[in-house]
N, C-alpha and C. Protein backbone atom coordinates (compact mmCIF):
# COMPACT_ATOMS: atom_id res chain seq x y z
N MET A 1 -12.56 -21.20 -5.67
CA MET A 1 -13.94 -20.89 -5.37
C MET A 1 -13.99 -19.63 -4.52
N VAL A 2 -15.04 -18.85 -4.73
CA VAL A 2 -15.22 -17.63 -3.96
C VAL A 2 -16.66 -17.55 -3.49
N ASP A 3 -16.86 -16.85 -2.38
CA ASP A 3 -18.22 -16.57 -1.93
C ASP A 3 -18.79 -15.50 -2.84
N THR A 4 -20.02 -15.64 -3.22
CA THR A 4 -20.67 -14.64 -4.06
C THR A 4 -21.95 -14.18 -3.39
N GLU A 5 -22.41 -13.04 -3.82
CA GLU A 5 -23.65 -12.49 -3.29
C GLU A 5 -24.47 -11.98 -4.46
N LEU A 6 -25.71 -12.35 -4.51
CA LEU A 6 -26.62 -11.89 -5.54
C LEU A 6 -27.53 -10.84 -4.93
N ILE A 7 -27.52 -9.66 -5.50
CA ILE A 7 -28.36 -8.58 -5.01
C ILE A 7 -29.42 -8.31 -6.07
N VAL A 8 -30.67 -8.52 -5.72
CA VAL A 8 -31.78 -8.28 -6.64
C VAL A 8 -32.27 -6.85 -6.41
N LEU A 9 -32.22 -6.07 -7.46
CA LEU A 9 -32.59 -4.66 -7.35
C LEU A 9 -34.09 -4.48 -7.58
N ASP A 10 -34.65 -3.57 -6.85
CA ASP A 10 -36.05 -3.20 -7.03
C ASP A 10 -36.21 -2.58 -8.42
N ALA A 11 -37.29 -2.84 -9.07
CA ALA A 11 -37.53 -2.32 -10.42
C ALA A 11 -37.44 -0.79 -10.46
N ARG A 12 -37.66 -0.13 -9.34
CA ARG A 12 -37.58 1.34 -9.31
C ARG A 12 -36.16 1.84 -9.53
N ALA A 13 -35.16 0.95 -9.41
CA ALA A 13 -33.77 1.35 -9.63
C ALA A 13 -33.49 1.60 -11.11
N PHE A 14 -34.38 1.13 -11.97
CA PHE A 14 -34.17 1.21 -13.41
C PHE A 14 -35.10 2.26 -14.02
N VAL A 15 -34.51 3.07 -14.89
CA VAL A 15 -35.31 4.10 -15.55
C VAL A 15 -35.11 4.04 -17.05
N GLY A 16 -36.17 4.21 -17.82
CA GLY A 16 -36.05 4.27 -19.27
C GLY A 16 -35.69 2.95 -19.90
N ASP A 17 -35.59 2.97 -21.23
CA ASP A 17 -35.27 1.74 -21.95
C ASP A 17 -34.27 1.95 -23.07
N THR A 18 -33.53 3.08 -23.04
CA THR A 18 -32.51 3.31 -24.04
C THR A 18 -31.15 2.90 -23.50
N LEU A 19 -30.16 2.82 -24.38
CA LEU A 19 -28.80 2.48 -23.94
C LEU A 19 -28.29 3.53 -22.95
N ALA A 20 -28.55 4.79 -23.21
CA ALA A 20 -28.11 5.84 -22.30
C ALA A 20 -28.76 5.67 -20.92
N ASP A 21 -30.03 5.30 -20.89
CA ASP A 21 -30.71 5.05 -19.61
C ASP A 21 -30.05 3.88 -18.88
N ALA A 22 -29.70 2.84 -19.61
CA ALA A 22 -29.05 1.68 -18.99
C ALA A 22 -27.73 2.07 -18.34
N VAL A 23 -26.95 2.88 -19.03
CA VAL A 23 -25.67 3.33 -18.48
C VAL A 23 -25.89 4.21 -17.26
N ARG A 24 -26.88 5.10 -17.32
CA ARG A 24 -27.19 5.95 -16.16
C ARG A 24 -27.64 5.13 -14.97
N THR A 25 -28.26 4.01 -15.19
CA THR A 25 -28.68 3.12 -14.11
C THR A 25 -27.49 2.31 -13.60
N GLN A 26 -26.69 1.79 -14.51
CA GLN A 26 -25.59 0.89 -14.17
C GLN A 26 -24.49 1.57 -13.36
N LEU A 27 -24.08 2.75 -13.76
CA LEU A 27 -22.94 3.40 -13.11
C LEU A 27 -23.14 3.66 -11.61
N PRO A 28 -24.25 4.24 -11.17
CA PRO A 28 -24.42 4.43 -9.72
C PRO A 28 -24.44 3.11 -8.94
N ILE A 29 -25.04 2.09 -9.53
CA ILE A 29 -25.08 0.78 -8.86
C ILE A 29 -23.67 0.23 -8.72
N TRP A 30 -22.87 0.33 -9.78
CA TRP A 30 -21.49 -0.15 -9.70
C TRP A 30 -20.69 0.63 -8.68
N HIS A 31 -20.85 1.95 -8.65
CA HIS A 31 -20.11 2.76 -7.67
C HIS A 31 -20.50 2.36 -6.24
N GLU A 32 -21.78 2.10 -6.01
CA GLU A 32 -22.23 1.67 -4.69
C GLU A 32 -21.56 0.36 -4.31
N GLN A 33 -21.48 -0.58 -5.25
CA GLN A 33 -20.87 -1.87 -4.96
C GLN A 33 -19.37 -1.74 -4.73
N LEU A 34 -18.70 -0.87 -5.48
CA LEU A 34 -17.27 -0.64 -5.27
C LEU A 34 -17.02 -0.05 -3.89
N ASP A 35 -17.84 0.91 -3.48
CA ASP A 35 -17.69 1.49 -2.14
C ASP A 35 -17.87 0.41 -1.07
N GLY A 36 -18.86 -0.46 -1.25
CA GLY A 36 -19.08 -1.54 -0.29
C GLY A 36 -17.91 -2.51 -0.24
N SER A 37 -17.34 -2.84 -1.40
CA SER A 37 -16.22 -3.78 -1.40
C SER A 37 -14.99 -3.16 -0.74
N ARG A 38 -14.81 -1.85 -0.89
CA ARG A 38 -13.68 -1.18 -0.20
C ARG A 38 -13.87 -1.25 1.31
N ARG A 39 -15.10 -0.99 1.76
CA ARG A 39 -15.37 -1.03 3.20
C ARG A 39 -15.12 -2.42 3.77
N GLU A 40 -15.50 -3.43 3.01
CA GLU A 40 -15.39 -4.81 3.49
C GLU A 40 -14.07 -5.48 3.11
N ARG A 41 -13.21 -4.73 2.43
CA ARG A 41 -11.93 -5.25 1.94
C ARG A 41 -12.17 -6.52 1.12
N ALA A 42 -13.14 -6.42 0.21
CA ALA A 42 -13.52 -7.53 -0.66
C ALA A 42 -13.15 -7.19 -2.10
N ILE A 43 -13.24 -8.17 -2.95
CA ILE A 43 -12.96 -7.99 -4.38
C ILE A 43 -14.29 -7.85 -5.10
N ALA A 44 -14.38 -6.84 -5.95
CA ALA A 44 -15.58 -6.65 -6.77
C ALA A 44 -15.21 -6.85 -8.22
N ILE A 45 -15.98 -7.66 -8.91
CA ILE A 45 -15.83 -7.84 -10.35
C ILE A 45 -17.14 -7.37 -10.97
N LEU A 46 -17.09 -6.25 -11.64
CA LEU A 46 -18.28 -5.65 -12.22
C LEU A 46 -18.45 -6.15 -13.64
N MET A 47 -19.59 -6.77 -13.90
CA MET A 47 -19.86 -7.34 -15.21
C MET A 47 -21.26 -6.96 -15.66
N GLY A 48 -21.36 -6.55 -16.90
CA GLY A 48 -22.67 -6.29 -17.46
C GLY A 48 -23.39 -7.60 -17.73
N PRO A 49 -24.69 -7.54 -17.97
CA PRO A 49 -25.46 -8.77 -18.17
C PRO A 49 -25.21 -9.44 -19.51
N ASP A 50 -24.55 -8.77 -20.43
CA ASP A 50 -24.36 -9.34 -21.77
C ASP A 50 -22.90 -9.68 -22.04
N ILE A 51 -22.20 -10.12 -21.00
CA ILE A 51 -20.79 -10.43 -21.09
C ILE A 51 -20.59 -11.95 -21.09
N VAL A 52 -19.74 -12.43 -21.96
CA VAL A 52 -19.39 -13.84 -22.02
C VAL A 52 -17.97 -13.99 -21.48
N THR A 53 -17.77 -14.93 -20.56
CA THR A 53 -16.43 -15.17 -20.02
C THR A 53 -16.04 -16.62 -20.26
N ALA A 54 -14.78 -16.83 -20.52
CA ALA A 54 -14.27 -18.19 -20.75
C ALA A 54 -14.16 -18.94 -19.44
N ASP A 55 -14.28 -20.24 -19.50
CA ASP A 55 -14.14 -21.10 -18.33
C ASP A 55 -12.78 -20.85 -17.68
N GLY A 56 -12.79 -20.53 -16.40
CA GLY A 56 -11.54 -20.29 -15.67
C GLY A 56 -11.08 -18.84 -15.66
N SER A 57 -11.71 -17.97 -16.45
CA SER A 57 -11.21 -16.60 -16.55
C SER A 57 -11.42 -15.82 -15.25
N LEU A 58 -12.54 -16.02 -14.57
CA LEU A 58 -12.75 -15.30 -13.31
C LEU A 58 -11.79 -15.80 -12.24
N ARG A 59 -11.45 -17.08 -12.27
CA ARG A 59 -10.46 -17.62 -11.34
C ARG A 59 -9.11 -16.93 -11.57
N HIS A 60 -8.76 -16.74 -12.84
CA HIS A 60 -7.50 -16.08 -13.17
C HIS A 60 -7.50 -14.63 -12.66
N ILE A 61 -8.61 -13.93 -12.84
CA ILE A 61 -8.71 -12.55 -12.34
C ILE A 61 -8.56 -12.54 -10.83
N GLY A 62 -9.20 -13.49 -10.14
CA GLY A 62 -9.06 -13.58 -8.69
C GLY A 62 -7.61 -13.78 -8.27
N ARG A 63 -6.89 -14.62 -9.00
CA ARG A 63 -5.48 -14.84 -8.68
C ARG A 63 -4.65 -13.57 -8.87
N LEU A 64 -4.99 -12.78 -9.88
CA LEU A 64 -4.28 -11.50 -10.08
C LEU A 64 -4.49 -10.58 -8.89
N PHE A 65 -5.73 -10.53 -8.37
CA PHE A 65 -5.99 -9.71 -7.19
C PHE A 65 -5.23 -10.24 -5.98
N LEU A 66 -5.22 -11.55 -5.80
CA LEU A 66 -4.49 -12.13 -4.68
C LEU A 66 -3.00 -11.88 -4.79
N ALA A 67 -2.50 -11.70 -6.00
CA ALA A 67 -1.08 -11.42 -6.21
C ALA A 67 -0.75 -9.94 -6.00
N GLY A 68 -1.77 -9.14 -5.67
CA GLY A 68 -1.51 -7.74 -5.35
C GLY A 68 -2.03 -6.71 -6.33
N LYS A 69 -2.61 -7.13 -7.42
CA LYS A 69 -3.16 -6.16 -8.37
C LYS A 69 -4.34 -5.46 -7.71
N GLU A 70 -4.48 -4.16 -7.96
CA GLU A 70 -5.59 -3.40 -7.41
C GLU A 70 -6.72 -3.24 -8.40
N ALA A 71 -6.41 -3.37 -9.68
CA ALA A 71 -7.43 -3.27 -10.73
C ALA A 71 -7.00 -4.12 -11.91
N VAL A 72 -7.96 -4.72 -12.56
CA VAL A 72 -7.70 -5.53 -13.74
C VAL A 72 -8.67 -5.07 -14.82
N TYR A 73 -8.15 -4.61 -15.93
CA TYR A 73 -9.00 -4.21 -17.05
C TYR A 73 -9.15 -5.39 -17.98
N VAL A 74 -10.36 -5.72 -18.29
CA VAL A 74 -10.64 -6.85 -19.17
C VAL A 74 -11.47 -6.35 -20.34
N LYS A 75 -11.01 -6.61 -21.53
CA LYS A 75 -11.80 -6.28 -22.72
C LYS A 75 -12.84 -7.38 -22.87
N ALA A 76 -14.07 -7.06 -22.58
CA ALA A 76 -15.13 -8.06 -22.59
C ALA A 76 -15.64 -8.30 -24.01
N VAL A 77 -16.08 -9.50 -24.23
CA VAL A 77 -16.71 -9.87 -25.50
C VAL A 77 -18.21 -9.65 -25.34
N ARG A 78 -18.75 -8.75 -26.12
CA ARG A 78 -20.19 -8.50 -26.08
C ARG A 78 -20.84 -9.24 -27.24
N VAL A 79 -21.99 -9.76 -26.98
CA VAL A 79 -22.65 -10.56 -28.00
C VAL A 79 -24.10 -10.12 -28.20
N VAL A 80 -24.64 -10.51 -29.29
CA VAL A 80 -26.05 -10.32 -29.57
C VAL A 80 -26.72 -11.68 -29.41
N ASP A 81 -27.82 -11.72 -28.69
CA ASP A 81 -28.49 -12.97 -28.37
C ASP A 81 -28.67 -13.87 -29.60
N GLU A 82 -29.16 -13.30 -30.68
CA GLU A 82 -29.48 -14.11 -31.86
C GLU A 82 -28.25 -14.79 -32.46
N THR A 83 -27.09 -14.21 -32.29
CA THR A 83 -25.89 -14.79 -32.89
C THR A 83 -25.12 -15.67 -31.92
N ALA A 84 -25.40 -15.58 -30.63
CA ALA A 84 -24.59 -16.30 -29.66
C ALA A 84 -25.30 -17.47 -29.00
N ARG A 85 -26.60 -17.46 -28.97
CA ARG A 85 -27.34 -18.48 -28.22
C ARG A 85 -26.95 -19.90 -28.66
N GLY A 86 -26.87 -20.16 -29.95
CA GLY A 86 -26.50 -21.49 -30.41
C GLY A 86 -25.11 -21.91 -29.98
N ALA A 87 -24.15 -20.98 -30.04
CA ALA A 87 -22.78 -21.29 -29.65
C ALA A 87 -22.67 -21.57 -28.17
N CYS A 88 -23.48 -20.93 -27.35
CA CYS A 88 -23.41 -21.14 -25.91
C CYS A 88 -23.99 -22.48 -25.49
N ARG A 89 -24.77 -23.10 -26.34
CA ARG A 89 -25.34 -24.41 -26.01
C ARG A 89 -24.35 -25.53 -26.20
N SER A 90 -23.32 -25.31 -27.02
CA SER A 90 -22.39 -26.41 -27.32
C SER A 90 -21.37 -26.60 -26.23
């Protein structure tokens, strides 16, 4: 188990509605969080809102960090709502 923090961003942090706009919004926010985690000597796991993770996978990533890893690259599974919603209910 880990302590988590939910940060709700003001709507003004978001601009536009294209994929490029989403990336332009996401990157500065992620960099800000990485800088904060470095200052606090904390672990940051950056995840987009459309990422599916297997049960126990975040625990495994945490163990890798505790074992001394400084970065873990994870190939995320991206899904489309219409094709994944039914599978997530089971």
